[in-house]
């Protein structure tokens, strides 16, 4: 008696292939969204009324940078490709520029550190951000366990 062969869903590596296809499609869609918008036309805003004081200073009201950091970290830890997570952060900044809030390179730096944390965090090493709304500062902490 012949038993039915297992479906392709049960084969090892199938899930990884599906995730690779999903991540590739996500990156291609994000790149396609950038095509109509001239990427070289970003003007630095004079101020970001919600979160930072000026482009010349690194003072800012901290929740925004922590939101970018932890949002990117959660995307990567949830299975999104690091490049797709960075592209999502970039697209959000493009959107903010289009609606008049302004493009923030500091937010992209927070996104990059979040992607780094989502990529390198393990049982032995943990990278995390801490912030104080009262003192308006952000700390990037690294914990190494032996």
N, C-alpha and C. Protein backbone atom coordinates (compact mmCIF):
# COMPACT_ATOMS: atom_id res chain seq x y z
N UNK A 1 0.84 -1.18 0.00
CA UNK A 1 0.00 0.00 0.00
C UNK A 1 0.89 1.25 0.00
N UNK A 2 0.64 2.13 -0.89
CA UNK A 2 1.43 3.36 -1.00
C UNK A 2 0.87 4.42 -0.06
N UNK A 3 1.76 4.98 0.71
CA UNK A 3 1.35 6.09 1.57
C UNK A 3 1.48 7.39 0.78
N UNK A 4 0.64 8.36 1.11
CA UNK A 4 0.77 9.65 0.41
C UNK A 4 2.08 10.33 0.78
N UNK A 5 2.67 11.00 -0.18
CA UNK A 5 3.91 11.72 0.08
C UNK A 5 3.60 13.00 0.84
N UNK A 6 4.53 13.43 1.68
CA UNK A 6 4.27 14.66 2.43
C UNK A 6 4.18 15.86 1.48
N UNK A 7 3.41 16.82 1.90
CA UNK A 7 3.27 18.03 1.09
C UNK A 7 4.56 18.83 1.15
N UNK A 8 4.67 19.76 0.25
CA UNK A 8 5.88 20.58 0.23
C UNK A 8 5.98 21.44 1.48
N UNK A 9 4.85 21.70 2.14
CA UNK A 9 4.90 22.53 3.35
C UNK A 9 5.67 21.85 4.47
N UNK A 10 5.77 20.53 4.43
CA UNK A 10 6.48 19.82 5.48
C UNK A 10 7.96 19.67 5.21
N UNK A 11 8.42 20.01 4.05
CA UNK A 11 9.83 19.83 3.71
C UNK A 11 10.68 20.89 4.41
N UNK A 12 11.86 20.50 4.91
CA UNK A 12 12.73 21.49 5.53
C UNK A 12 13.18 22.52 4.50
N UNK A 13 13.28 23.75 4.93
CA UNK A 13 13.73 24.81 4.04
C UNK A 13 12.60 25.50 3.30
N UNK A 14 11.41 24.91 3.29
CA UNK A 14 10.29 25.51 2.58
C UNK A 14 9.89 26.82 3.24
N UNK A 15 9.84 26.83 4.57
CA UNK A 15 9.46 28.05 5.29
C UNK A 15 10.47 29.17 5.02
N UNK A 16 11.75 28.82 5.01
CA UNK A 16 12.79 29.82 4.73
C UNK A 16 12.64 30.38 3.33
N UNK A 17 12.31 29.52 2.36
CA UNK A 17 12.12 29.99 0.99
C UNK A 17 10.94 30.94 0.90
N UNK A 18 9.85 30.61 1.59
CA UNK A 18 8.67 31.49 1.59
C UNK A 18 9.02 32.83 2.21
N UNK A 19 9.73 32.83 3.35
CA UNK A 19 10.12 34.08 3.99
C UNK A 19 11.05 34.90 3.10
N UNK A 20 11.94 34.24 2.38
CA UNK A 20 12.83 34.94 1.46
C UNK A 20 12.03 35.61 0.35
N UNK A 21 11.05 34.91 -0.19
CA UNK A 21 10.20 35.49 -1.24
C UNK A 21 9.42 36.67 -0.70
N UNK A 22 8.83 36.53 0.49
CA UNK A 22 8.06 37.62 1.09
C UNK A 22 8.95 38.83 1.33
N UNK A 23 10.14 38.62 1.89
CA UNK A 23 11.05 39.74 2.14
C UNK A 23 11.49 40.41 0.84
N UNK A 24 11.76 39.61 -0.18
CA UNK A 24 12.17 40.17 -1.47
C UNK A 24 11.05 41.00 -2.08
N UNK A 25 9.84 40.49 -2.03
CA UNK A 25 8.69 41.24 -2.57
C UNK A 25 8.49 42.52 -1.78
N UNK A 26 8.65 42.46 -0.45
CA UNK A 26 8.50 43.66 0.38
C UNK A 26 9.52 44.73 -0.02
N UNK A 27 10.77 44.33 -0.18
CA UNK A 27 11.81 45.29 -0.56
C UNK A 27 11.53 45.86 -1.94
N UNK A 28 11.13 45.03 -2.88
CA UNK A 28 10.83 45.52 -4.23
C UNK A 28 9.65 46.49 -4.22
N UNK A 29 8.64 46.22 -3.42
CA UNK A 29 7.49 47.13 -3.32
C UNK A 29 7.91 48.47 -2.74
N UNK A 30 8.75 48.43 -1.70
CA UNK A 30 9.21 49.68 -1.10
C UNK A 30 10.07 50.48 -2.07
N UNK A 31 10.91 49.79 -2.83
CA UNK A 31 11.72 50.48 -3.84
C UNK A 31 10.82 51.07 -4.92
N UNK A 32 9.80 50.34 -5.33
CA UNK A 32 8.88 50.84 -6.35
C UNK A 32 8.14 52.08 -5.86
N UNK A 33 7.86 52.15 -4.57
CA UNK A 33 7.20 53.34 -4.03
C UNK A 33 8.10 54.56 -4.10
N UNK A 34 9.39 54.35 -4.08
CA UNK A 34 10.33 55.47 -4.13
C UNK A 34 10.50 56.04 -5.53
N UNK A 35 10.22 55.27 -6.55
CA UNK A 35 10.50 55.70 -7.92
C UNK A 35 9.81 57.00 -8.31
N UNK A 36 8.52 57.20 -8.02
CA UNK A 36 7.90 58.45 -8.46
C UNK A 36 8.40 59.68 -7.71
N UNK A 37 8.96 59.50 -6.54
CA UNK A 37 9.40 60.63 -5.73
C UNK A 37 10.89 60.87 -5.94
N UNK A 38 11.28 62.09 -6.29
CA UNK A 38 12.70 62.36 -6.47
C UNK A 38 13.43 62.32 -5.13
N UNK A 39 14.27 61.31 -4.94
CA UNK A 39 14.92 61.10 -3.65
C UNK A 39 15.92 62.21 -3.32
N UNK A 40 16.44 62.89 -4.33
CA UNK A 40 17.45 63.91 -4.08
C UNK A 40 16.85 65.24 -3.64
N UNK A 41 15.54 65.34 -3.55
CA UNK A 41 14.93 66.63 -3.26
C UNK A 41 14.60 66.83 -1.79
N UNK A 42 15.19 66.03 -0.90
CA UNK A 42 14.88 66.20 0.52
C UNK A 42 15.57 67.43 1.06
N UNK A 43 14.79 68.29 1.65
CA UNK A 43 15.33 69.46 2.31
C UNK A 43 15.30 69.20 3.81
N UNK A 44 16.38 69.59 4.48
CA UNK A 44 16.37 69.46 5.93
C UNK A 44 15.34 70.42 6.50
N UNK A 45 14.47 69.94 7.37
CA UNK A 45 13.49 70.85 7.96
C UNK A 45 14.18 71.79 8.94
N UNK A 46 13.61 72.97 9.12
CA UNK A 46 14.15 73.89 10.10
C UNK A 46 13.96 73.35 11.51
N UNK A 47 12.89 72.62 11.70
CA UNK A 47 12.63 72.01 13.01
C UNK A 47 11.65 70.87 12.84
N UNK A 48 11.67 69.98 13.76
CA UNK A 48 10.69 68.92 13.84
C UNK A 48 9.81 69.27 15.02
N UNK A 49 8.61 69.79 14.78
CA UNK A 49 7.81 70.35 15.87
C UNK A 49 7.45 69.33 16.95
N UNK A 50 7.54 68.05 16.63
CA UNK A 50 7.16 67.05 17.63
C UNK A 50 8.33 66.64 18.49
N UNK A 51 9.53 66.52 17.92
CA UNK A 51 10.54 65.79 18.65
C UNK A 51 11.92 66.43 18.79
N UNK A 52 12.42 67.18 17.85
CA UNK A 52 13.75 67.74 18.08
C UNK A 52 13.78 69.23 17.80
N UNK A 53 14.77 69.89 18.39
CA UNK A 53 14.80 71.35 18.35
C UNK A 53 15.40 71.91 17.07
N UNK A 54 16.53 71.39 16.61
CA UNK A 54 17.14 71.92 15.40
C UNK A 54 18.04 70.87 14.77
N UNK A 55 18.43 71.11 13.53
CA UNK A 55 19.32 70.19 12.83
C UNK A 55 20.76 70.31 13.30
N UNK A 56 21.10 71.43 13.95
CA UNK A 56 22.46 71.64 14.40
C UNK A 56 22.73 71.00 15.76
N UNK A 57 21.68 70.66 16.48
CA UNK A 57 21.82 70.09 17.81
C UNK A 57 21.23 68.68 17.81
N UNK A 58 21.72 67.87 18.73
CA UNK A 58 21.17 66.53 18.87
C UNK A 58 20.16 66.47 20.01
N UNK A 59 19.69 67.63 20.44
CA UNK A 59 18.66 67.62 21.47
C UNK A 59 17.33 67.27 20.82
N UNK A 60 16.56 66.50 21.48
CA UNK A 60 15.26 66.11 20.96
C UNK A 60 14.40 65.61 22.09
N UNK A 61 13.11 65.57 21.86
CA UNK A 61 12.22 64.94 22.82
C UNK A 61 12.22 63.45 22.50
N UNK A 62 12.62 62.66 23.44
CA UNK A 62 13.08 61.30 23.19
C UNK A 62 12.09 60.25 22.70
N UNK A 63 10.80 60.31 22.90
CA UNK A 63 9.99 59.16 22.49
C UNK A 63 10.12 58.82 21.01
N UNK A 64 10.30 59.79 20.15
CA UNK A 64 10.35 59.52 18.71
C UNK A 64 11.52 58.61 18.35
N UNK A 65 12.70 58.90 18.87
CA UNK A 65 13.86 58.08 18.53
C UNK A 65 13.70 56.67 19.08
N UNK A 66 13.15 56.54 20.28
CA UNK A 66 12.91 55.21 20.85
C UNK A 66 11.87 54.45 20.04
N UNK A 67 10.86 55.15 19.52
CA UNK A 67 9.86 54.49 18.68
C UNK A 67 10.51 53.96 17.40
N UNK A 68 11.38 54.73 16.81
CA UNK A 68 12.08 54.27 15.60
C UNK A 68 12.98 53.07 15.93
N UNK A 69 13.73 53.18 17.03
CA UNK A 69 14.64 52.11 17.42
C UNK A 69 13.88 50.81 17.67
N UNK A 70 12.90 50.85 18.56
CA UNK A 70 12.20 49.62 18.93
C UNK A 70 11.30 49.11 17.81
N UNK A 71 10.76 50.01 17.00
CA UNK A 71 9.97 49.56 15.85
C UNK A 71 10.81 48.75 14.88
N UNK A 72 12.00 49.25 14.56
CA UNK A 72 12.89 48.52 13.64
C UNK A 72 13.38 47.22 14.26
N UNK A 73 13.68 47.26 15.56
CA UNK A 73 14.14 46.04 16.24
C UNK A 73 13.05 44.97 16.20
N UNK A 74 11.81 45.35 16.48
CA UNK A 74 10.72 44.37 16.47
C UNK A 74 10.45 43.83 15.07
N UNK A 75 10.58 44.67 14.06
CA UNK A 75 10.40 44.17 12.69
C UNK A 75 11.41 43.09 12.35
N UNK A 76 12.68 43.33 12.70
CA UNK A 76 13.73 42.35 12.39
C UNK A 76 13.56 41.09 13.24
N UNK A 77 13.28 41.26 14.53
CA UNK A 77 13.09 40.09 15.39
C UNK A 77 11.84 39.31 15.00
N UNK A 78 10.90 39.97 14.36
CA UNK A 78 9.69 39.29 13.90
C UNK A 78 9.87 38.54 12.59
N UNK A 79 11.05 38.64 11.99
CA UNK A 79 11.32 37.87 10.78
C UNK A 79 11.54 38.69 9.52
N UNK A 80 11.37 40.01 9.60
CA UNK A 80 11.58 40.83 8.41
C UNK A 80 13.08 40.94 8.12
N UNK A 81 13.42 40.97 6.86
CA UNK A 81 14.82 41.13 6.45
C UNK A 81 15.30 42.50 6.93
N UNK A 82 16.55 42.61 7.42
CA UNK A 82 17.05 43.90 7.90
C UNK A 82 16.95 45.02 6.87
N UNK A 83 17.22 44.71 5.60
CA UNK A 83 17.11 45.75 4.56
C UNK A 83 15.67 46.22 4.40
N UNK A 84 14.72 45.32 4.54
CA UNK A 84 13.31 45.70 4.43
C UNK A 84 12.90 46.57 5.61
N UNK A 85 13.42 46.28 6.81
CA UNK A 85 13.12 47.10 7.98
C UNK A 85 13.70 48.51 7.82
N UNK A 86 14.93 48.60 7.29
CA UNK A 86 15.51 49.92 7.03
C UNK A 86 14.72 50.66 5.96
N UNK A 87 14.28 49.94 4.94
CA UNK A 87 13.48 50.56 3.88
C UNK A 87 12.16 51.07 4.44
N UNK A 88 11.57 50.33 5.36
CA UNK A 88 10.31 50.77 5.98
C UNK A 88 10.52 52.07 6.75
N UNK A 89 11.63 52.16 7.50
CA UNK A 89 11.94 53.39 8.22
C UNK A 89 12.18 54.55 7.27
N UNK A 90 12.88 54.28 6.17
CA UNK A 90 13.14 55.31 5.17
C UNK A 90 11.83 55.78 4.53
N UNK A 91 10.96 54.82 4.21
CA UNK A 91 9.68 55.19 3.60
C UNK A 91 8.83 56.03 4.55
N UNK A 92 8.91 55.73 5.84
CA UNK A 92 8.17 56.54 6.81
C UNK A 92 8.70 57.97 6.83
N UNK A 93 10.01 58.13 6.73
CA UNK A 93 10.58 59.47 6.68
C UNK A 93 10.20 60.19 5.39
N UNK A 94 10.15 59.47 4.28
CA UNK A 94 9.69 60.06 3.02
C UNK A 94 8.25 60.54 3.18
N UNK A 95 7.42 59.72 3.81
CA UNK A 95 6.03 60.09 4.05
C UNK A 95 5.96 61.35 4.92
N UNK A 96 6.76 61.39 6.00
CA UNK A 96 6.75 62.58 6.86
C UNK A 96 7.21 63.81 6.10
N UNK A 97 8.16 63.65 5.19
CA UNK A 97 8.61 64.78 4.38
C UNK A 97 7.49 65.26 3.46
N UNK A 98 6.76 64.32 2.89
CA UNK A 98 5.68 64.68 1.96
C UNK A 98 4.53 65.40 2.65
N UNK A 99 4.22 65.05 3.90
CA UNK A 99 3.10 65.69 4.60
C UNK A 99 3.52 66.97 5.31
N UNK A 100 4.81 67.30 5.24
CA UNK A 100 5.26 68.57 5.77
C UNK A 100 5.88 68.51 7.16
N UNK A 101 5.95 67.34 7.78
CA UNK A 101 6.57 67.23 9.10
C UNK A 101 8.08 67.37 8.98
N UNK A 102 8.65 66.82 7.92
CA UNK A 102 10.08 66.93 7.68
C UNK A 102 10.78 65.60 7.74
N UNK A 103 11.87 65.52 7.01
CA UNK A 103 12.70 64.31 6.93
C UNK A 103 13.76 64.40 8.02
N UNK A 104 13.89 63.36 8.84
CA UNK A 104 14.85 63.37 9.94
C UNK A 104 15.89 62.27 9.75
N UNK A 105 17.14 62.69 9.53
CA UNK A 105 18.23 61.72 9.42
C UNK A 105 18.50 61.06 10.76
N UNK A 106 18.22 61.76 11.85
CA UNK A 106 18.42 61.19 13.18
C UNK A 106 17.47 60.01 13.40
N UNK A 107 16.27 60.10 12.86
CA UNK A 107 15.34 58.97 12.95
C UNK A 107 15.88 57.77 12.19
N UNK A 108 16.52 58.01 11.05
CA UNK A 108 17.11 56.91 10.29
C UNK A 108 18.27 56.26 11.05
N UNK A 109 19.02 57.06 11.80
CA UNK A 109 20.10 56.50 12.62
C UNK A 109 19.50 55.62 13.72
N UNK A 110 18.41 56.07 14.33
CA UNK A 110 17.74 55.25 15.34
C UNK A 110 17.20 53.97 14.71
N UNK A 111 16.67 54.06 13.49
CA UNK A 111 16.21 52.86 12.77
C UNK A 111 17.37 51.89 12.55
N UNK A 112 18.52 52.42 12.14
CA UNK A 112 19.68 51.56 11.86
C UNK A 112 20.15 50.85 13.12
N UNK A 113 20.19 51.55 14.25
CA UNK A 113 20.58 50.89 15.49
C UNK A 113 19.54 49.86 15.92
N UNK A 114 18.26 50.12 15.65
CA UNK A 114 17.22 49.13 15.95
C UNK A 114 17.38 47.88 15.11
N UNK A 115 17.70 48.05 13.84
CA UNK A 115 17.94 46.90 12.96
C UNK A 115 19.17 46.13 13.45
N UNK A 116 20.22 46.85 13.84
CA UNK A 116 21.41 46.20 14.38
C UNK A 116 21.06 45.37 15.62
N UNK A 117 20.28 45.95 16.52
CA UNK A 117 19.89 45.23 17.74
C UNK A 117 19.07 44.00 17.40
N UNK A 118 18.13 44.13 16.48
CA UNK A 118 17.32 42.98 16.09
C UNK A 118 18.13 41.88 15.44
N UNK A 119 19.24 42.26 14.82
CA UNK A 119 20.09 41.29 14.13
C UNK A 119 21.06 40.58 15.09
N UNK A 120 21.65 41.32 16.03
CA UNK A 120 22.72 40.75 16.86
C UNK A 120 22.26 40.24 18.22
N UNK A 121 21.07 40.62 18.68
CA UNK A 121 20.65 40.20 20.02
C UNK A 121 20.53 38.68 20.11
N UNK A 122 21.03 38.15 21.22
CA UNK A 122 21.00 36.70 21.45
C UNK A 122 21.01 36.46 22.95
N UNK A 123 21.22 35.20 23.34
CA UNK A 123 21.31 34.88 24.77
C UNK A 123 22.57 35.45 25.40
N UNK A 124 23.61 35.64 24.61
CA UNK A 124 24.90 36.10 25.13
C UNK A 124 25.11 37.61 24.99
N UNK A 125 24.44 38.23 24.06
CA UNK A 125 24.64 39.65 23.79
C UNK A 125 23.29 40.32 23.59
N UNK A 126 23.10 41.47 24.24
CA UNK A 126 21.83 42.18 24.10
C UNK A 126 22.09 43.67 24.00
N UNK A 127 21.56 44.28 22.97
CA UNK A 127 21.68 45.71 22.72
C UNK A 127 20.31 46.34 22.92
N UNK A 128 20.21 47.39 23.73
CA UNK A 128 18.91 48.03 23.94
C UNK A 128 19.08 49.52 24.19
N UNK A 129 17.98 50.26 23.98
CA UNK A 129 17.98 51.70 24.14
C UNK A 129 17.23 52.05 25.42
N UNK A 130 17.74 53.04 26.10
CA UNK A 130 17.09 53.58 27.29
C UNK A 130 17.00 55.09 27.10
N UNK A 131 15.96 55.69 27.62
CA UNK A 131 15.84 57.14 27.45
C UNK A 131 15.16 57.76 28.65
N UNK A 132 15.37 59.05 28.80
CA UNK A 132 14.76 59.82 29.86
C UNK A 132 14.02 61.00 29.24
N UNK A 133 12.72 61.06 29.46
CA UNK A 133 11.95 62.19 28.93
C UNK A 133 12.24 63.47 29.71
N UNK A 134 12.60 63.33 30.97
CA UNK A 134 12.87 64.50 31.79
C UNK A 134 14.18 65.16 31.37
N UNK A 135 15.24 64.35 31.23
CA UNK A 135 16.56 64.89 30.89
C UNK A 135 16.81 64.98 29.40
N UNK A 136 15.92 64.43 28.60
CA UNK A 136 16.03 64.44 27.14
C UNK A 136 17.35 63.85 26.66
N UNK A 137 17.57 62.58 26.98
CA UNK A 137 18.74 61.90 26.46
C UNK A 137 18.37 60.47 26.10
N UNK A 138 19.21 59.88 25.26
CA UNK A 138 19.05 58.49 24.85
C UNK A 138 20.38 57.79 25.13
N UNK A 139 20.30 56.58 25.70
CA UNK A 139 21.49 55.76 25.92
C UNK A 139 21.33 54.47 25.15
N UNK A 140 22.39 54.08 24.48
CA UNK A 140 22.43 52.78 23.83
C UNK A 140 23.28 51.87 24.70
N UNK A 141 22.68 50.80 25.22
CA UNK A 141 23.34 49.90 26.16
C UNK A 141 23.63 48.56 25.51
N UNK A 142 24.74 47.97 25.88
CA UNK A 142 25.09 46.63 25.42
C UNK A 142 25.38 45.76 26.63
N UNK A 143 24.78 44.58 26.66
CA UNK A 143 24.98 43.64 27.75
C UNK A 143 25.61 42.38 27.16
N UNK A 144 26.74 41.98 27.73
CA UNK A 144 27.44 40.77 27.29
C UNK A 144 27.44 39.79 28.46
N UNK A 145 26.92 38.59 28.23
CA UNK A 145 26.83 37.57 29.26
C UNK A 145 27.82 36.46 28.97
N UNK A 146 28.58 36.08 29.98
CA UNK A 146 29.55 34.99 29.82
C UNK A 146 29.01 33.72 30.39
